[in-house]
PDB file of all heavy atoms in Angstrom:
ATOM      1  N   PHE A   1     -13.739 -18.420 -46.166  1.00  0.00           N
ATOM      2  CA  PHE A   1     -13.840 -17.783 -47.476  1.00  0.00           C
ATOM      3  C   PHE A   1     -15.274 -17.329 -47.746  1.00  0.00           C
ATOM      4  O   PHE A   1     -15.510 -16.210 -48.199  1.00  0.00           O
ATOM      5  CB  PHE A   1     -13.376 -18.760 -48.564  1.00  0.00           C
ATOM      6  CG  PHE A   1     -13.341 -18.164 -49.937  1.00  0.00           C
ATOM      7  CD1 PHE A   1     -12.255 -17.409 -50.357  1.00  0.00           C
ATOM      8  CD2 PHE A   1     -14.393 -18.360 -50.825  1.00  0.00           C
ATOM      9  CE1 PHE A   1     -12.212 -16.858 -51.629  1.00  0.00           C
ATOM     10  CE2 PHE A   1     -14.366 -17.815 -52.092  1.00  0.00           C
ATOM     11  CZ  PHE A   1     -13.276 -17.065 -52.500  1.00  0.00           C
ATOM     12  N   TYR A   2     -16.239 -18.200 -47.474  1.00  0.00           N
ATOM     13  CA  TYR A   2     -17.643 -17.849 -47.679  1.00  0.00           C
ATOM     14  C   TYR A   2     -18.062 -16.690 -46.777  1.00  0.00           C
ATOM     15  O   TYR A   2     -18.812 -15.820 -47.201  1.00  0.00           O
ATOM     16  CB  TYR A   2     -18.547 -19.058 -47.447  1.00  0.00           C
ATOM     17  CG  TYR A   2     -18.657 -19.994 -48.634  1.00  0.00           C
ATOM     18  CD1 TYR A   2     -17.786 -19.917 -49.706  1.00  0.00           C
ATOM     19  CD2 TYR A   2     -19.636 -20.957 -48.674  1.00  0.00           C
ATOM     20  CE1 TYR A   2     -17.888 -20.773 -50.784  1.00  0.00           C
ATOM     21  CE2 TYR A   2     -19.746 -21.823 -49.758  1.00  0.00           C
ATOM     22  CZ  TYR A   2     -18.876 -21.721 -50.808  1.00  0.00           C
ATOM     23  OH  TYR A   2     -18.992 -22.563 -51.875  1.00  0.00           O
ATOM     24  N   LYS A   3     -17.592 -16.692 -45.535  1.00  0.00           N
ATOM     25  CA  LYS A   3     -17.928 -15.580 -44.631  1.00  0.00           C
ATOM     26  C   LYS A   3     -17.444 -14.263 -45.201  1.00  0.00           C
ATOM     27  O   LYS A   3     -18.138 -13.251 -45.129  1.00  0.00           O
ATOM     28  CB  LYS A   3     -17.276 -15.792 -43.257  1.00  0.00           C
ATOM     29  CG  LYS A   3     -18.003 -16.727 -42.356  1.00  0.00           C
ATOM     30  CD  LYS A   3     -17.298 -16.715 -41.003  1.00  0.00           C
ATOM     31  CE  LYS A   3     -17.436 -18.020 -40.282  1.00  0.00           C
ATOM     32  NZ  LYS A   3     -16.619 -18.050 -39.067  1.00  0.00           N
ATOM     33  N   LYS A   4     -16.241 -14.275 -45.770  1.00  0.00           N
ATOM     34  CA  LYS A   4     -15.635 -13.045 -46.290  1.00  0.00           C
ATOM     35  C   LYS A   4     -16.286 -12.590 -47.598  1.00  0.00           C
ATOM     36  O   LYS A   4     -16.594 -11.420 -47.765  1.00  0.00           O
ATOM     37  CB  LYS A   4     -14.136 -13.271 -46.503  1.00  0.00           C
ATOM     38  CG  LYS A   4     -13.405 -12.167 -47.226  1.00  0.00           C
ATOM     39  CD  LYS A   4     -13.253 -10.943 -46.390  1.00  0.00           C
ATOM     40  CE  LYS A   4     -12.403  -9.901 -47.126  1.00  0.00           C
ATOM     41  NZ  LYS A   4     -12.433  -8.623 -46.497  1.00  0.00           N
ATOM     42  N   TYR A   5     -16.475 -13.509 -48.545  1.00  0.00           N
ATOM     43  CA  TYR A   5     -16.869 -13.125 -49.900  1.00  0.00           C
ATOM     44  C   TYR A   5     -18.325 -13.400 -50.252  1.00  0.00           C
ATOM     45  O   TYR A   5     -18.807 -12.934 -51.288  1.00  0.00           O
ATOM     46  CB  TYR A   5     -15.941 -13.786 -50.925  1.00  0.00           C
ATOM     47  CG  TYR A   5     -14.560 -13.197 -50.846  1.00  0.00           C
ATOM     48  CD1 TYR A   5     -13.539 -13.844 -50.158  1.00  0.00           C
ATOM     49  CD2 TYR A   5     -14.277 -11.959 -51.411  1.00  0.00           C
ATOM     50  CE1 TYR A   5     -12.282 -13.288 -50.059  1.00  0.00           C
ATOM     51  CE2 TYR A   5     -13.026 -11.389 -51.324  1.00  0.00           C
ATOM     52  CZ  TYR A   5     -12.026 -12.065 -50.641  1.00  0.00           C
ATOM     53  OH  TYR A   5     -10.783 -11.499 -50.545  1.00  0.00           O
ATOM     54  N   PHE A   6     -19.020 -14.164 -49.435  1.00  0.00           N
ATOM     55  CA  PHE A   6     -20.437 -14.430 -49.673  1.00  0.00           C
ATOM     56  C   PHE A   6     -21.183 -14.259 -48.359  1.00  0.00           C
ATOM     57  O   PHE A   6     -21.325 -15.202 -47.589  1.00  0.00           O
ATOM     58  CB  PHE A   6     -20.648 -15.855 -50.221  1.00  0.00           C
ATOM     59  CG  PHE A   6     -19.985 -16.081 -51.544  1.00  0.00           C
ATOM     60  CD1 PHE A   6     -18.763 -16.742 -51.615  1.00  0.00           C
ATOM     61  CD2 PHE A   6     -20.561 -15.626 -52.713  1.00  0.00           C
ATOM     62  CE1 PHE A   6     -18.135 -16.941 -52.825  1.00  0.00           C
ATOM     63  CE2 PHE A   6     -19.944 -15.829 -53.936  1.00  0.00           C
ATOM     64  CZ  PHE A   6     -18.717 -16.484 -53.987  1.00  0.00           C
ATOM     65  N   PRO A   7     -21.661 -13.056 -48.090  1.00  0.00           N
ATOM     66  CA  PRO A   7     -22.369 -12.805 -46.830  1.00  0.00           C
ATOM     67  C   PRO A   7     -23.546 -13.766 -46.651  1.00  0.00           C
ATOM     68  O   PRO A   7     -24.057 -14.336 -47.609  1.00  0.00           O
ATOM     69  CB  PRO A   7     -22.870 -11.366 -46.984  1.00  0.00           C
ATOM     70  CG  PRO A   7     -22.060 -10.773 -48.074  1.00  0.00           C
ATOM     71  CD  PRO A   7     -21.627 -11.897 -48.957  1.00  0.00           C
ATOM     72  N   ARG A   8     -23.942 -13.930 -45.431  1.00  0.00           N
ATOM     73  CA  ARG A   8     -25.011 -14.863 -45.072  1.00  0.00           C
ATOM     74  C   ARG A   8     -26.264 -14.655 -45.910  1.00  0.00           C
ATOM     75  O   ARG A   8     -26.867 -15.612 -46.397  1.00  0.00           O
ATOM     76  CB  ARG A   8     -25.318 -14.720 -43.586  1.00  0.00           C
ATOM     77  CG  ARG A   8     -26.362 -15.672 -43.102  1.00  0.00           C
ATOM     78  CD  ARG A   8     -26.544 -15.559 -41.613  1.00  0.00           C
ATOM     79  NE  ARG A   8     -27.751 -16.252 -41.228  1.00  0.00           N
ATOM     80  CZ  ARG A   8     -28.417 -15.995 -40.138  1.00  0.00           C
ATOM     81  NH1 ARG A   8     -27.982 -15.068 -39.307  1.00  0.00           N
ATOM     82  NH2 ARG A   8     -29.497 -16.655 -39.840  1.00  0.00           N
ATOM     83  N   ALA A   9     -26.655 -13.414 -46.104  1.00  0.00           N
ATOM     84  CA  ALA A   9     -27.867 -13.132 -46.885  1.00  0.00           C
ATOM     85  C   ALA A   9     -27.722 -13.623 -48.326  1.00  0.00           C
ATOM     86  O   ALA A   9     -28.682 -14.159 -48.900  1.00  0.00           O
ATOM     87  CB  ALA A   9     -28.162 -11.632 -46.867  1.00  0.00           C
ATOM     88  N   THR A  10     -26.543 -13.485 -48.894  1.00  0.00           N
ATOM     89  CA  THR A  10     -26.298 -13.959 -50.261  1.00  0.00           C
ATOM     90  C   THR A  10     -26.368 -15.473 -50.321  1.00  0.00           C
ATOM     91  O   THR A  10     -26.982 -16.043 -51.221  1.00  0.00           O
ATOM     92  CB  THR A  10     -24.916 -13.482 -50.755  1.00  0.00           C
ATOM     93  OG1 THR A  10     -24.875 -12.052 -50.707  1.00  0.00           O
ATOM     94  CG2 THR A  10     -24.635 -13.955 -52.171  1.00  0.00           C
ATOM     95  N   ARG A  11     -25.744 -16.140 -49.348  1.00  0.00           N
ATOM     96  CA  ARG A  11     -25.771 -17.608 -49.316  1.00  0.00           C
ATOM     97  C   ARG A  11     -27.204 -18.116 -49.160  1.00  0.00           C
ATOM     98  O   ARG A  11     -27.608 -19.079 -49.820  1.00  0.00           O
ATOM     99  CB  ARG A  11     -24.888 -18.133 -48.179  1.00  0.00           C
ATOM    100  CG  ARG A  11     -23.407 -17.918 -48.432  1.00  0.00           C
ATOM    101  CD  ARG A  11     -22.536 -18.685 -47.457  1.00  0.00           C
ATOM    102  NE  ARG A  11     -22.890 -18.563 -46.066  1.00  0.00           N
ATOM    103  CZ  ARG A  11     -22.349 -17.717 -45.201  1.00  0.00           C
ATOM    104  NH1 ARG A  11     -21.393 -16.904 -45.593  1.00  0.00           N
ATOM    105  NH2 ARG A  11     -22.739 -17.683 -43.956  1.00  0.00           N
ATOM    106  N   GLU A  12     -27.983 -17.466 -48.308  1.00  0.00           N
ATOM    107  CA  GLU A  12     -29.381 -17.876 -48.114  1.00  0.00           C
ATOM    108  C   GLU A  12     -30.202 -17.667 -49.381  1.00  0.00           C
ATOM    109  O   GLU A  12     -31.051 -18.487 -49.719  1.00  0.00           O
ATOM    110  CB  GLU A  12     -29.984 -17.139 -46.926  1.00  0.00           C
ATOM    111  CG  GLU A  12     -29.425 -17.608 -45.604  1.00  0.00           C
ATOM    112  CD  GLU A  12     -29.883 -16.783 -44.408  1.00  0.00           C
ATOM    113  OE1 GLU A  12     -30.577 -15.758 -44.606  1.00  0.00           O
ATOM    114  OE2 GLU A  12     -29.525 -17.165 -43.279  1.00  0.00           O
ATOM    115  N   ALA A  13     -29.937 -16.562 -50.092  1.00  0.00           N
ATOM    116  CA  ALA A  13     -30.647 -16.302 -51.348  1.00  0.00           C
ATOM    117  C   ALA A  13     -30.293 -17.354 -52.396  1.00  0.00           C
ATOM    118  O   ALA A  13     -31.174 -17.841 -53.118  1.00  0.00           O
ATOM    119  CB  ALA A  13     -30.304 -14.905 -51.870  1.00  0.00           C
ATOM    120  N   LYS A  14     -29.027 -17.737 -52.449  1.00  0.00           N
ATOM    121  CA  LYS A  14     -28.586 -18.775 -53.391  1.00  0.00           C
ATOM    122  C   LYS A  14     -29.209 -20.122 -53.026  1.00  0.00           C
ATOM    123  O   LYS A  14     -29.604 -20.892 -53.902  1.00  0.00           O
ATOM    124  CB  LYS A  14     -27.060 -18.895 -53.402  1.00  0.00           C
ATOM    125  CG  LYS A  14     -26.345 -17.691 -53.947  1.00  0.00           C
ATOM    126  CD  LYS A  14     -26.393 -17.684 -55.434  1.00  0.00           C
ATOM    127  CE  LYS A  14     -25.535 -16.581 -56.009  1.00  0.00           C
ATOM    128  NZ  LYS A  14     -25.694 -16.455 -57.442  1.00  0.00           N
ATOM    129  N   GLU A  15     -29.293 -20.410 -51.745  1.00  0.00           N
ATOM    130  CA  GLU A  15     -29.903 -21.666 -51.311  1.00  0.00           C
ATOM    131  C   GLU A  15     -31.391 -21.688 -51.672  1.00  0.00           C
ATOM    132  O   GLU A  15     -31.907 -22.705 -52.143  1.00  0.00           O
ATOM    133  CB  GLU A  15     -29.711 -21.866 -49.813  1.00  0.00           C
ATOM    134  CG  GLU A  15     -30.117 -23.232 -49.356  1.00  0.00           C
ATOM    135  CD  GLU A  15     -29.540 -23.619 -48.006  1.00  0.00           C
ATOM    136  OE1 GLU A  15     -29.036 -22.750 -47.271  1.00  0.00           O
ATOM    137  OE2 GLU A  15     -29.602 -24.812 -47.692  1.00  0.00           O
ATOM    138  N   MET A  16     -32.065 -20.564 -51.501  1.00  0.00           N
ATOM    139  CA  MET A  16     -33.485 -20.475 -51.870  1.00  0.00           C
ATOM    140  C   MET A  16     -33.645 -20.638 -53.382  1.00  0.00           C
ATOM    141  O   MET A  16     -34.571 -21.317 -53.847  1.00  0.00           O
ATOM    142  CB  MET A  16     -34.068 -19.126 -51.422  1.00  0.00           C
ATOM    143  CG  MET A  16     -35.553 -19.009 -51.666  1.00  0.00           C
ATOM    144  SD  MET A  16     -36.537 -20.233 -50.802  1.00  0.00           S
ATOM    145  CE  MET A  16     -36.303 -19.745 -49.125  1.00  0.00           C
ATOM    146  N   GLU A  17     -32.723 -20.059 -54.139  1.00  0.00           N
ATOM    147  CA  GLU A  17     -32.759 -20.200 -55.598  1.00  0.00           C
ATOM    148  C   GLU A  17     -32.605 -21.679 -55.988  1.00  0.00           C
ATOM    149  O   GLU A  17     -33.294 -22.161 -56.893  1.00  0.00           O
ATOM    150  CB  GLU A  17     -31.637 -19.369 -56.228  1.00  0.00           C
ATOM    151  CG  GLU A  17     -31.685 -19.299 -57.728  1.00  0.00           C
ATOM    152  CD  GLU A  17     -30.599 -18.420 -58.324  1.00  0.00           C
ATOM    153  OE1 GLU A  17     -29.905 -17.685 -57.590  1.00  0.00           O
ATOM    154  OE2 GLU A  17     -30.431 -18.484 -59.560  1.00  0.00           O
ATOM    155  N   LEU A  18     -31.725 -22.401 -55.301  1.00  0.00           N
ATOM    156  CA  LEU A  18     -31.558 -23.830 -55.562  1.00  0.00           C
ATOM    157  C   LEU A  18     -32.845 -24.590 -55.271  1.00  0.00           C
ATOM    158  O   LEU A  18     -33.255 -25.448 -56.052  1.00  0.00           O
ATOM    159  CB  LEU A  18     -30.405 -24.402 -54.723  1.00  0.00           C
ATOM    160  CG  LEU A  18     -30.228 -25.922 -54.776  1.00  0.00           C
ATOM    161  CD1 LEU A  18     -29.874 -26.380 -56.187  1.00  0.00           C
ATOM    162  CD2 LEU A  18     -29.169 -26.358 -53.776  1.00  0.00           C
ATOM    163  N   MET A  19     -33.474 -24.280 -54.167  1.00  0.00           N
ATOM    164  CA  MET A  19     -34.692 -24.995 -53.785  1.00  0.00           C
ATOM    165  C   MET A  19     -35.813 -24.786 -54.809  1.00  0.00           C
ATOM    166  O   MET A  19     -36.647 -25.663 -55.003  1.00  0.00           O
ATOM    167  CB  MET A  19     -35.163 -24.561 -52.394  1.00  0.00           C
ATOM    168  CG  MET A  19     -34.138 -24.827 -51.303  1.00  0.00           C
ATOM    169  SD  MET A  19     -33.434 -26.466 -51.379  1.00  0.00           S
ATOM    170  CE  MET A  19     -34.444 -27.292 -50.225  1.00  0.00           C
ATOM    171  N   GLN A  20     -35.822 -23.639 -55.476  1.00  0.00           N
ATOM    172  CA  GLN A  20     -36.870 -23.317 -56.440  1.00  0.00           C
ATOM    173  C   GLN A  20     -36.460 -23.588 -57.891  1.00  0.00           C
ATOM    174  O   GLN A  20     -37.257 -23.401 -58.800  1.00  0.00           O
ATOM    175  CB  GLN A  20     -37.266 -21.849 -56.293  1.00  0.00           C
ATOM    176  CG  GLN A  20     -37.859 -21.536 -54.946  1.00  0.00           C
ATOM    177  CD  GLN A  20     -38.091 -20.046 -54.732  1.00  0.00           C
ATOM    178  OE1 GLN A  20     -37.678 -19.215 -55.526  1.00  0.00           O
ATOM    179  NE2 GLN A  20     -38.757 -19.718 -53.636  1.00  0.00           N
ATOM    180  N   LEU A  21     -35.232 -24.053 -58.103  1.00  0.00           N
ATOM    181  CA  LEU A  21     -34.696 -24.216 -59.453  1.00  0.00           C
ATOM    182  C   LEU A  21     -35.453 -25.274 -60.248  1.00  0.00           C
ATOM    183  O   LEU A  21     -35.680 -26.381 -59.779  1.00  0.00           O
ATOM    184  CB  LEU A  21     -33.203 -24.591 -59.385  1.00  0.00           C
ATOM    185  CG  LEU A  21     -32.489 -24.726 -60.721  1.00  0.00           C
ATOM    186  CD1 LEU A  21     -32.437 -23.379 -61.446  1.00  0.00           C
ATOM    187  CD2 LEU A  21     -31.070 -25.260 -60.509  1.00  0.00           C
ATOM    188  N   LYS A  22     -35.832 -24.910 -61.463  1.00  0.00           N
ATOM    189  CA  LYS A  22     -36.461 -25.814 -62.435  1.00  0.00           C
ATOM    190  C   LYS A  22     -35.716 -25.649 -63.750  1.00  0.00           C
ATOM    191  O   LYS A  22     -35.207 -24.576 -64.062  1.00  0.00           O
ATOM    192  CB  LYS A  22     -37.939 -25.451 -62.655  1.00  0.00           C
ATOM    193  CG  LYS A  22     -38.788 -25.525 -61.406  1.00  0.00           C
ATOM    194  CD  LYS A  22     -39.095 -26.942 -61.036  1.00  0.00           C
ATOM    195  CE  LYS A  22     -40.015 -26.986 -59.829  1.00  0.00           C
ATOM    196  NZ  LYS A  22     -40.062 -28.273 -59.204  1.00  0.00           N
ATOM    197  N   GLN A  23     -35.693 -26.692 -64.559  1.00  0.00           N
ATOM    198  CA  GLN A  23     -34.966 -26.649 -65.818  1.00  0.00           C
ATOM    199  C   GLN A  23     -35.570 -25.637 -66.785  1.00  0.00           C
ATOM    200  O   GLN A  23     -34.848 -24.878 -67.413  1.00  0.00           O
ATOM    201  CB  GLN A  23     -34.926 -28.032 -66.472  1.00  0.00           C
ATOM    202  CG  GLN A  23     -34.150 -28.038 -67.763  1.00  0.00           C
ATOM    203  CD  GLN A  23     -34.183 -29.368 -68.465  1.00  0.00           C
ATOM    204  OE1 GLN A  23     -34.904 -30.284 -68.079  1.00  0.00           O
ATOM    205  NE2 GLN A  23     -33.418 -29.492 -69.534  1.00  0.00           N
ATOM    206  N   GLY A  24     -36.866 -25.629 -66.910  1.00  0.00           N
ATOM    207  CA  GLY A  24     -37.523 -24.692 -67.823  1.00  0.00           C
ATOM    208  C   GLY A  24     -36.970 -24.818 -69.232  1.00  0.00           C
ATOM    209  O   GLY A  24     -36.864 -25.908 -69.774  1.00  0.00           O
ATOM    210  N   SER A  25     -36.543 -23.712 -69.823  1.00  0.00           N
ATOM    211  CA  SER A  25     -36.044 -23.707 -71.198  1.00  0.00           C
ATOM    212  C   SER A  25     -34.539 -23.971 -71.293  1.00  0.00           C
ATOM    213  O   SER A  25     -33.984 -23.959 -72.392  1.00  0.00           O
ATOM    214  CB  SER A  25     -36.379 -22.371 -71.868  1.00  0.00           C
ATOM    215  OG  SER A  25     -35.726 -21.320 -71.180  1.00  0.00           O
ATOM    216  N   MET A  26     -33.883 -24.207 -70.166  1.00  0.00           N
ATOM    217  CA  MET A  26     -32.447 -24.488 -70.187  1.00  0.00           C
ATOM    218  C   MET A  26     -32.191 -25.885 -70.758  1.00  0.00           C
ATOM    219  O   MET A  26     -33.013 -26.783 -70.596  1.00  0.00           O
ATOM    220  CB  MET A  26     -31.849 -24.444 -68.772  1.00  0.00           C
ATOM    221  CG  MET A  26     -31.792 -23.073 -68.139  1.00  0.00           C
ATOM    222  SD  MET A  26     -30.970 -23.129 -66.523  1.00  0.00           S
ATOM    223  CE  MET A  26     -32.356 -23.586 -65.469  1.00  0.00           C
ATOM    224  N   SER A  27     -31.039 -26.052 -71.372  1.00  0.00           N
ATOM    225  CA  SER A  27     -30.614 -27.392 -71.778  1.00  0.00           C
ATOM    226  C   SER A  27     -30.209 -28.152 -70.517  1.00  0.00           C
ATOM    227  O   SER A  27     -30.039 -27.551 -69.449  1.00  0.00           O
ATOM    228  CB  SER A  27     -29.421 -27.307 -72.737  1.00  0.00           C
ATOM    229  OG  SER A  27     -28.271 -26.841 -72.039  1.00  0.00           O
ATOM    230  N   VAL A  28     -30.029 -29.453 -70.636  1.00  0.00           N
ATOM    231  CA  VAL A  28     -29.589 -30.245 -69.486  1.00  0.00           C
ATOM    232  C   VAL A  28     -28.226 -29.752 -69.014  1.00  0.00           C
ATOM    233  O   VAL A  28     -27.987 -29.636 -67.805  1.00  0.00           O
ATOM    234  CB  VAL A  28     -29.551 -31.759 -69.818  1.00  0.00           C
ATOM    235  CG1 VAL A  28     -28.878 -32.546 -68.709  1.00  0.00           C
ATOM    236  CG2 VAL A  28     -30.957 -32.279 -70.058  1.00  0.00           C
TER     237      VAL A  28
END
């Protein structure tokens, strides 16, 4: 499913976003 609907580049970008994620002004 991920291969079909989330290309490798998208998955890598999402993983990088997770690694850099900070709460900032978001609620818990």
